[in-house]
Structures are given as C-alpha cells and as structure tokens.
C-alpha cells in the first residue's frame, strides 16, 4: 500500500497538483475507495486542462500580436 501511495503522490506532484489535491486523493486511496480516488484524480485532471486551455489562450493572444506587428512592419516598408 505504501508503494501505491508513494506512486500516486509522486505522479500527482509531477502533474502539478496542489498539496490539498494530493491529500484528498490519498485519503480516498487509504480508505480503499477506488471510486473516490478516481473522482479526485479526474477533478485534478479537469483543473490541469483548464490551466492548459488558459495558457493556450495567452499564447494565441501573443500570436495575434506578432501577426499584427509583422503586418504593420511590412506595410510600412
């Protein structure tokens, strides 16, 4: 059981999960509730996906500014 808990903790930490998220998942693991553990893992995944999408929106905004700046630079030549 300790090996599984260590693996879950390490994987969640590597995935950028908070200490609170890790604690919630490990609590479900220790109680032997696989459905609860899955719920916690899916919740963490959903939050990471939201973060990913927000990062993508930021990159898209920068790409837009780059394209606009390139257009402006080309039209002034």
PDB file of N, CA and C in Angstrom:
ATOM      1  N   UNK A   1       0.826  -1.207   0.000  1.00  0.00           N
ATOM      2  CA  UNK A   1       0.000   0.000   0.000  1.00  0.00           C
ATOM      3  C   UNK A   1       0.863   1.261   0.000  1.00  0.00           C
ATOM      4  N   UNK A   2       1.965   1.224   0.765  1.00  0.00           N
ATOM      5  CA  UNK A   2       2.838   2.395   0.824  1.00  0.00           C
ATOM      6  C   UNK A   2       3.413   2.716  -0.550  1.00  0.00           C
ATOM      7  N   UNK A   3       3.755   1.681  -1.324  1.00  0.00           N
ATOM      8  CA  UNK A   3       4.287   1.903  -2.668  1.00  0.00           C
ATOM      9  C   UNK A   3       3.269   2.620  -3.552  1.00  0.00           C
ATOM     10  N   UNK A   4       2.016   2.196  -3.477  1.00  0.00           N
ATOM     11  CA  UNK A   4       0.961   2.810  -4.286  1.00  0.00           C
ATOM     12  C   UNK A   4       0.772   4.270  -3.877  1.00  0.00           C
ATOM     13  N   UNK A   5       0.757   4.515  -2.581  1.00  0.00           N
ATOM     14  CA  UNK A   5       0.590   5.877  -2.086  1.00  0.00           C
ATOM     15  C   UNK A   5       1.752   6.755  -2.543  1.00  0.00           C
ATOM     16  N   UNK A   6       2.965   6.217  -2.457  1.00  0.00           N
ATOM     17  CA  UNK A   6       4.135   6.977  -2.924  1.00  0.00           C
ATOM     18  C   UNK A   6       4.052   7.261  -4.420  1.00  0.00           C
ATOM     19  N   UNK A   7       3.600   6.289  -5.199  1.00  0.00           N
ATOM     20  CA  UNK A   7       3.468   6.465  -6.644  1.00  0.00           C
ATOM     21  C   UNK A   7       2.423   7.529  -6.972  1.00  0.00           C
ATOM     22  N   UNK A   8       1.300   7.467  -6.275  1.00  0.00           N
ATOM     23  CA  UNK A   8       0.246   8.455  -6.508  1.00  0.00           C
ATOM     24  C   UNK A   8       0.747   9.851  -6.137  1.00  0.00           C
ATOM     25  N   UNK A   9       1.375   9.962  -4.983  1.00  0.00           N
ATOM     26  CA  UNK A   9       1.896  11.263  -4.534  1.00  0.00           C
ATOM     27  C   UNK A   9       2.895  11.819  -5.552  1.00  0.00           C
ATOM     28  N   UNK A  10       3.825  10.989  -5.992  1.00  0.00           N
ATOM     29  CA  UNK A  10       4.850  11.433  -6.942  1.00  0.00           C
ATOM     30  C   UNK A  10       4.227  11.853  -8.271  1.00  0.00           C
ATOM     31  N   UNK A  11       3.324  11.031  -8.790  1.00  0.00           N
ATOM     32  CA  UNK A  11       2.696  11.335 -10.079  1.00  0.00           C
ATOM     33  C   UNK A  11       1.873  12.616 -10.009  1.00  0.00           C
ATOM     34  N   UNK A  12       1.125  12.785  -8.923  1.00  0.00           N
ATOM     35  CA  UNK A  12       0.308  13.988  -8.789  1.00  0.00           C
ATOM     36  C   UNK A  12       1.170  15.225  -8.600  1.00  0.00           C
ATOM     37  N   UNK A  13       2.247  15.078  -7.863  1.00  0.00           N
ATOM     38  CA  UNK A  13       3.173  16.204  -7.674  1.00  0.00           C
ATOM     39  C   UNK A  13       3.791  16.578  -9.023  1.00  0.00           C
ATOM     40  N   UNK A  14       4.224  15.581  -9.782  1.00  0.00           N
ATOM     41  CA  UNK A  14       4.794  15.828 -11.113  1.00  0.00           C
ATOM     42  C   UNK A  14       3.777  16.480 -12.043  1.00  0.00           C
ATOM     43  N   UNK A  15       2.493  16.176 -11.843  1.00  0.00           N
ATOM     44  CA  UNK A  15       1.438  16.727 -12.690  1.00  0.00           C
ATOM     45  C   UNK A  15       1.045  18.138 -12.267  1.00  0.00           C
ATOM     46  N   UNK A  16       1.639  18.632 -11.189  1.00  0.00           N
ATOM     47  CA  UNK A  16       1.363  19.995 -10.757  1.00  0.00           C
ATOM     48  C   UNK A  16       0.177  20.127  -9.816  1.00  0.00           C
ATOM     49  N   UNK A  17      -0.243  19.035  -9.223  1.00  0.00           N
ATOM     50  CA  UNK A  17      -1.372  19.083  -8.282  1.00  0.00           C
ATOM     51  C   UNK A  17      -0.933  19.742  -6.976  1.00  0.00           C
ATOM     52  N   UNK A  18      -1.872  20.402  -6.340  1.00  0.00           N
ATOM     53  CA  UNK A  18      -1.583  21.067  -5.068  1.00  0.00           C
ATOM     54  C   UNK A  18      -1.506  20.034  -3.946  1.00  0.00           C
ATOM     55  N   UNK A  19      -0.945  20.455  -2.832  1.00  0.00           N
ATOM     56  CA  UNK A  19      -0.867  19.565  -1.667  1.00  0.00           C
ATOM     57  C   UNK A  19      -2.262  19.161  -1.195  1.00  0.00           C
ATOM     58  N   UNK A  20      -3.207  20.083  -1.268  1.00  0.00           N
ATOM     59  CA  UNK A  20      -4.582  19.770  -0.857  1.00  0.00           C
ATOM     60  C   UNK A  20      -5.196  18.720  -1.782  1.00  0.00           C
ATOM     61  N   UNK A  21      -4.959  18.861  -3.085  1.00  0.00           N
ATOM     62  CA  UNK A  21      -5.486  17.881  -4.045  1.00  0.00           C
ATOM     63  C   UNK A  21      -4.868  16.508  -3.798  1.00  0.00           C
ATOM     64  N   UNK A  22      -3.569  16.496  -3.544  1.00  0.00           N
ATOM     65  CA  UNK A  22      -2.878  15.233  -3.274  1.00  0.00           C
ATOM     66  C   UNK A  22      -3.415  14.607  -1.998  1.00  0.00           C
ATOM     67  N   UNK A  23      -3.597  15.416  -0.967  1.00  0.00           N
ATOM     68  CA  UNK A  23      -4.109  14.901   0.312  1.00  0.00           C
ATOM     69  C   UNK A  23      -5.502  14.306   0.142  1.00  0.00           C
ATOM     70  N   UNK A  24      -6.354  14.960  -0.622  1.00  0.00           N
ATOM     71  CA  UNK A  24      -7.705  14.440  -0.857  1.00  0.00           C
ATOM     72  C   UNK A  24      -7.659  13.092  -1.566  1.00  0.00           C
ATOM     73  N   UNK A  25      -6.807  12.988  -2.582  1.00  0.00           N
ATOM     74  CA  UNK A  25      -6.700  11.737  -3.333  1.00  0.00           C
ATOM     75  C   UNK A  25      -6.132  10.618  -2.456  1.00  0.00           C
ATOM     76  N   UNK A  26      -5.116  10.940  -1.669  1.00  0.00           N
ATOM     77  CA  UNK A  26      -4.508   9.919  -0.812  1.00  0.00           C
ATOM     78  C   UNK A  26      -5.463   9.461   0.284  1.00  0.00           C
ATOM     79  N   UNK A  27      -6.297  10.364   0.748  1.00  0.00           N
ATOM     80  CA  UNK A  27      -7.303   9.977   1.745  1.00  0.00           C
ATOM     81  C   UNK A  27      -8.242   8.930   1.144  1.00  0.00           C
ATOM     82  N   UNK A  28      -8.670   9.141  -0.090  1.00  0.00           N
ATOM     83  CA  UNK A  28      -9.543   8.174  -0.762  1.00  0.00           C
ATOM     84  C   UNK A  28      -8.817   6.853  -0.976  1.00  0.00           C
ATOM     85  N   UNK A  29      -7.544   6.927  -1.300  1.00  0.00           N
ATOM     86  CA  UNK A  29      -6.751   5.718  -1.516  1.00  0.00           C
ATOM     87  C   UNK A  29      -6.630   4.924  -0.218  1.00  0.00           C
ATOM     88  N   UNK A  30      -6.339   5.623   0.860  1.00  0.00           N
ATOM     89  CA  UNK A  30      -6.169   4.943   2.159  1.00  0.00           C
ATOM     90  C   UNK A  30      -7.463   4.300   2.651  1.00  0.00           C
ATOM     91  N   UNK A  31      -8.601   4.887   2.320  1.00  0.00           N
ATOM     92  CA  UNK A  31      -9.870   4.312   2.760  1.00  0.00           C
ATOM     93  C   UNK A  31     -10.301   3.156   1.863  1.00  0.00           C
ATOM     94  N   UNK A  32      -9.543   2.930   0.795  1.00  0.00           N
ATOM     95  CA  UNK A  32      -9.870   1.819  -0.103  1.00  0.00           C
ATOM     96  C   UNK A  32     -11.066   2.108  -0.988  1.00  0.00           C
ATOM     97  N   UNK A  33     -11.254   3.367  -1.330  1.00  0.00           N
ATOM     98  CA  UNK A  33     -12.388   3.764  -2.164  1.00  0.00           C
ATOM     99  C   UNK A  33     -11.898   4.133  -3.568  1.00  0.00           C
ATOM    100  N   UNK A  34     -11.829   3.154  -4.481  1.00  0.00           N
ATOM    101  CA  UNK A  34     -11.328   3.458  -5.822  1.00  0.00           C
ATOM    102  C   UNK A  34     -12.196   4.469  -6.563  1.00  0.00           C
ATOM    103  N   UNK A  35     -13.503   4.460  -6.337  1.00  0.00           N
ATOM    104  CA  UNK A  35     -14.382   5.429  -6.997  1.00  0.00           C
ATOM    105  C   UNK A  35     -14.065   6.837  -6.502  1.00  0.00           C
ATOM    106  N   UNK A  36     -13.830   6.985  -5.227  1.00  0.00           N
ATOM    107  CA  UNK A  36     -13.473   8.288  -4.664  1.00  0.00           C
ATOM    108  C   UNK A  36     -12.129   8.764  -5.171  1.00  0.00           C
ATOM    109  N   UNK A  37     -11.173   7.839  -5.278  1.00  0.00           N
ATOM    110  CA  UNK A  37      -9.854   8.192  -5.807  1.00  0.00           C
ATOM    111  C   UNK A  37      -9.968   8.630  -7.263  1.00  0.00           C
ATOM    112  N   UNK A  38     -10.726   7.902  -8.055  1.00  0.00           N
ATOM    113  CA  UNK A  38     -10.929   8.278  -9.454  1.00  0.00           C
ATOM    114  C   UNK A  38     -11.567   9.656  -9.569  1.00  0.00           C
ATOM    115  N   UNK A  39     -12.539   9.909  -8.707  1.00  0.00           N
ATOM    116  CA  UNK A  39     -13.200  11.218  -8.710  1.00  0.00           C
ATOM    117  C   UNK A  39     -12.181  12.327  -8.448  1.00  0.00           C
ATOM    118  N   UNK A  40     -11.336  12.138  -7.448  1.00  0.00           N
ATOM    119  CA  UNK A  40     -10.336  13.146  -7.110  1.00  0.00           C
ATOM    120  C   UNK A  40      -9.333  13.327  -8.248  1.00  0.00           C
ATOM    121  N   UNK A  41      -8.906  12.219  -8.853  1.00  0.00           N
ATOM    122  CA  UNK A  41      -7.951  12.305  -9.959  1.00  0.00           C
ATOM    123  C   UNK A  41      -8.565  13.014 -11.162  1.00  0.00           C
ATOM    124  N   UNK A  42      -9.817  12.714 -11.443  1.00  0.00           N
ATOM    125  CA  UNK A  42     -10.495  13.375 -12.572  1.00  0.00           C
ATOM    126  C   UNK A  42     -10.682  14.864 -12.309  1.00  0.00           C
ATOM    127  N   UNK A  43     -10.962  15.202 -11.056  1.00  0.00           N
ATOM    128  CA  UNK A  43     -11.095  16.602 -10.680  1.00  0.00           C
ATOM    129  C   UNK A  43      -9.776  17.350 -10.917  1.00  0.00           C
ATOM    130  N   UNK A  44      -8.681  16.729 -10.504  1.00  0.00           N
ATOM    131  CA  UNK A  44      -7.359  17.334 -10.710  1.00  0.00           C
ATOM    132  C   UNK A  44      -7.055  17.460 -12.198  1.00  0.00           C
ATOM    133  N   UNK A  45      -7.397  16.439 -12.963  1.00  0.00           N
ATOM    134  CA  UNK A  45      -7.155  16.470 -14.404  1.00  0.00           C
ATOM    135  C   UNK A  45      -7.939  17.610 -15.050  1.00  0.00           C
ATOM    136  N   UNK A  46      -9.172  17.758 -14.632  1.00  0.00           N
ATOM    137  CA  UNK A  46     -10.019  18.822 -15.178  1.00  0.00           C
ATOM    138  C   UNK A  46      -9.401  20.197 -14.897  1.00  0.00           C
ATOM    139  N   UNK A  47      -8.900  20.391 -13.701  1.00  0.00           N
ATOM    140  CA  UNK A  47      -8.261  21.665 -13.365  1.00  0.00           C
ATOM    141  C   UNK A  47      -7.000  21.891 -14.187  1.00  0.00           C
ATOM    142  N   UNK A  48      -6.201  20.839 -14.391  1.00  0.00           N
ATOM    143  CA  UNK A  48      -4.998  20.978 -15.214  1.00  0.00           C
ATOM    144  C   UNK A  48      -5.372  21.318 -16.657  1.00  0.00           C
ATOM    145  N   UNK A  49      -6.459  20.734 -17.161  1.00  0.00           N
ATOM    146  CA  UNK A  49      -6.905  21.033 -18.522  1.00  0.00           C
ATOM    147  C   UNK A  49      -7.355  22.484 -18.631  1.00  0.00           C
ATOM    148  N   UNK A  50      -8.040  22.989 -17.614  1.00  0.00           N
ATOM    149  CA  UNK A  50      -8.435  24.403 -17.614  1.00  0.00           C
ATOM    150  C   UNK A  50      -7.199  25.307 -17.654  1.00  0.00           C
ATOM    151  N   UNK A  51      -6.175  24.931 -16.889  1.00  0.00           N
ATOM    152  CA  UNK A  51      -4.935  25.697 -16.892  1.00  0.00           C
ATOM    153  C   UNK A  51      -4.278  25.649 -18.271  1.00  0.00           C
ATOM    154  N   UNK A  52      -4.295  24.483 -18.880  1.00  0.00           N
ATOM    155  CA  UNK A  52      -3.722  24.321 -20.222  1.00  0.00           C
ATOM    156  C   UNK A  52      -4.449  25.201 -21.233  1.00  0.00           C
ATOM    157  N   UNK A  53      -5.767  25.189 -21.180  1.00  0.00           N
ATOM    158  CA  UNK A  53      -6.545  25.999 -22.115  1.00  0.00           C
ATOM    159  C   UNK A  53      -6.301  27.492 -21.905  1.00  0.00           C
ATOM    160  N   UNK A  54      -6.171  27.904 -20.661  1.00  0.00           N
ATOM    161  CA  UNK A  54      -5.879  29.314 -20.386  1.00  0.00           C
ATOM    162  C   UNK A  54      -4.495  29.676 -20.928  1.00  0.00           C
ATOM    163  N   UNK A  55      -3.533  28.798 -20.772  1.00  0.00           N
ATOM    164  CA  UNK A  55      -2.201  29.045 -21.331  1.00  0.00           C
ATOM    165  C   UNK A  55      -2.267  29.139 -22.844  1.00  0.00           C
ATOM    166  N   UNK A  56      -3.063  28.290 -23.465  1.00  0.00           N
ATOM    167  CA  UNK A  56      -3.206  28.323 -24.916  1.00  0.00           C
ATOM    168  C   UNK A  56      -3.828  29.641 -25.363  1.00  0.00           C
ATOM    169  N   UNK A  57      -4.823  30.133 -24.623  1.00  0.00           N
ATOM    170  CA  UNK A  57      -5.431  31.427 -24.960  1.00  0.00           C
ATOM    171  C   UNK A  57      -4.392  32.549 -24.888  1.00  0.00           C
ATOM    172  N   UNK A  58      -3.511  32.489 -23.902  1.00  0.00           N
ATOM    173  CA  UNK A  58      -2.471  33.509 -23.774  1.00  0.00           C
ATOM    174  C   UNK A  58      -1.508  33.456 -24.954  1.00  0.00           C
ATOM    175  N   UNK A  59      -1.127  32.250 -25.335  1.00  0.00           N
ATOM    176  CA  UNK A  59      -0.238  32.097 -26.489  1.00  0.00           C
ATOM    177  C   UNK A  59      -0.927  32.594 -27.749  1.00  0.00           C
ATOM    178  N   UNK A  60      -2.200  32.277 -27.900  1.00  0.00           N
ATOM    179  CA  UNK A  60      -2.958  32.754 -29.066  1.00  0.00           C
ATOM    180  C   UNK A  60      -2.967  34.276 -29.130  1.00  0.00           C
ATOM    181  N   UNK A  61      -3.121  34.928 -27.996  1.00  0.00           N
ATOM    182  CA  UNK A  61      -3.110  36.399 -27.966  1.00  0.00           C
ATOM    183  C   UNK A  61      -1.752  36.938 -28.413  1.00  0.00           C
ATOM    184  N   UNK A  62      -0.693  36.301 -27.950  1.00  0.00           N
ATOM    185  CA  UNK A  62       0.643  36.726 -28.364  1.00  0.00           C
ATOM    186  C   UNK A  62       0.850  36.483 -29.851  1.00  0.00           C
ATOM    187  N   UNK A  63       0.381  35.356 -30.352  1.00  0.00           N
ATOM    188  CA  UNK A  63       0.488  35.078 -31.790  1.00  0.00           C
ATOM    189  C   UNK A  63      -0.230  36.151 -32.607  1.00  0.00           C
ATOM    190  N   UNK A  64      -1.395  36.563 -32.127  1.00  0.00           N
ATOM    191  CA  UNK A  64      -2.149  37.617 -32.804  1.00  0.00           C
ATOM    192  C   UNK A  64      -1.326  38.908 -32.849  1.00  0.00           C
ATOM    193  N   UNK A  65      -0.750  39.280 -31.709  1.00  0.00           N
ATOM    194  CA  UNK A  65       0.064  40.499 -31.661  1.00  0.00           C
ATOM    195  C   UNK A  65       1.270  40.397 -32.587  1.00  0.00           C
ATOM    196  N   UNK A  66       1.873  39.237 -32.649  1.00  0.00           N
ATOM    197  CA  UNK A  66       3.011  39.034 -33.537  1.00  0.00           C
ATOM    198  C   UNK A  66       2.589  39.226 -34.991  1.00  0.00           C
ATOM    199  N   UNK A  67       1.476  38.589 -35.371  1.00  0.00           N
ATOM    200  CA  UNK A  67       0.993  38.732 -36.757  1.00  0.00           C
ATOM    201  C   UNK A  67       0.670  40.185 -37.083  1.00  0.00           C
ATOM    202  N   UNK A  68      -0.001  40.871 -36.169  1.00  0.00           N
ATOM    203  CA  UNK A  68      -0.359  42.272 -36.402  1.00  0.00           C
ATOM    204  C   UNK A  68       0.889  43.135 -36.543  1.00  0.00           C
ATOM    205  N   UNK A  69       1.868  42.883 -35.700  1.00  0.00           N
ATOM    206  CA  UNK A  69       3.102  43.656 -35.748  1.00  0.00           C
ATOM    207  C   UNK A  69       3.848  43.386 -37.055  1.00  0.00           C
ATOM    208  N   UNK A  70       3.856  42.120 -37.495  1.00  0.00           N
ATOM    209  CA  UNK A  70       4.506  41.797 -38.763  1.00  0.00           C
ATOM    210  C   UNK A  70       3.811  42.486 -39.926  1.00  0.00           C
ATOM    211  N   UNK A  71       2.465  42.513 -39.918  1.00  0.00           N
ATOM    212  CA  UNK A  71       1.710  43.190 -40.971  1.00  0.00           C
ATOM    213  C   UNK A  71       2.037  44.676 -41.004  1.00  0.00           C
ATOM    214  N   UNK A  72       2.077  45.285 -39.831  1.00  0.00           N
ATOM    215  CA  UNK A  72       2.378  46.707 -39.733  1.00  0.00           C
ATOM    216  C   UNK A  72       3.798  46.989 -40.239  1.00  0.00           C
ATOM    217  N   UNK A  73       4.722  46.149 -39.865  1.00  0.00           N
ATOM    218  CA  UNK A  73       6.112  46.343 -40.299  1.00  0.00           C
ATOM    219  C   UNK A  73       6.248  46.184 -41.803  1.00  0.00           C
ATOM    220  N   UNK A  74       5.522  45.249 -42.386  1.00  0.00           N
ATOM    221  CA  UNK A  74       5.603  45.010 -43.830  1.00  0.00           C
ATOM    222  C   UNK A  74       4.935  46.137 -44.611  1.00  0.00           C
ATOM    223  N   UNK A  75       3.867  46.676 -44.089  1.00  0.00           N
ATOM    224  CA  UNK A  75       3.160  47.739 -44.816  1.00  0.00           C
ATOM    225  C   UNK A  75       3.893  49.073 -44.751  1.00  0.00           C
ATOM    226  N   UNK A  76       4.775  49.232 -43.786  1.00  0.00           N
ATOM    227  CA  UNK A  76       5.499  50.488 -43.685  1.00  0.00           C
ATOM    228  C   UNK A  76       6.799  50.465 -44.475  1.00  0.00           C
ATOM    229  N   UNK A  77       7.111  49.332 -45.091  1.00  0.00           N
ATOM    230  CA  UNK A  77       8.351  49.225 -45.888  1.00  0.00           C
ATOM    231  C   UNK A  77       8.105  49.609 -47.315  1.00  0.00           C
TER     232      UNK A  77
END
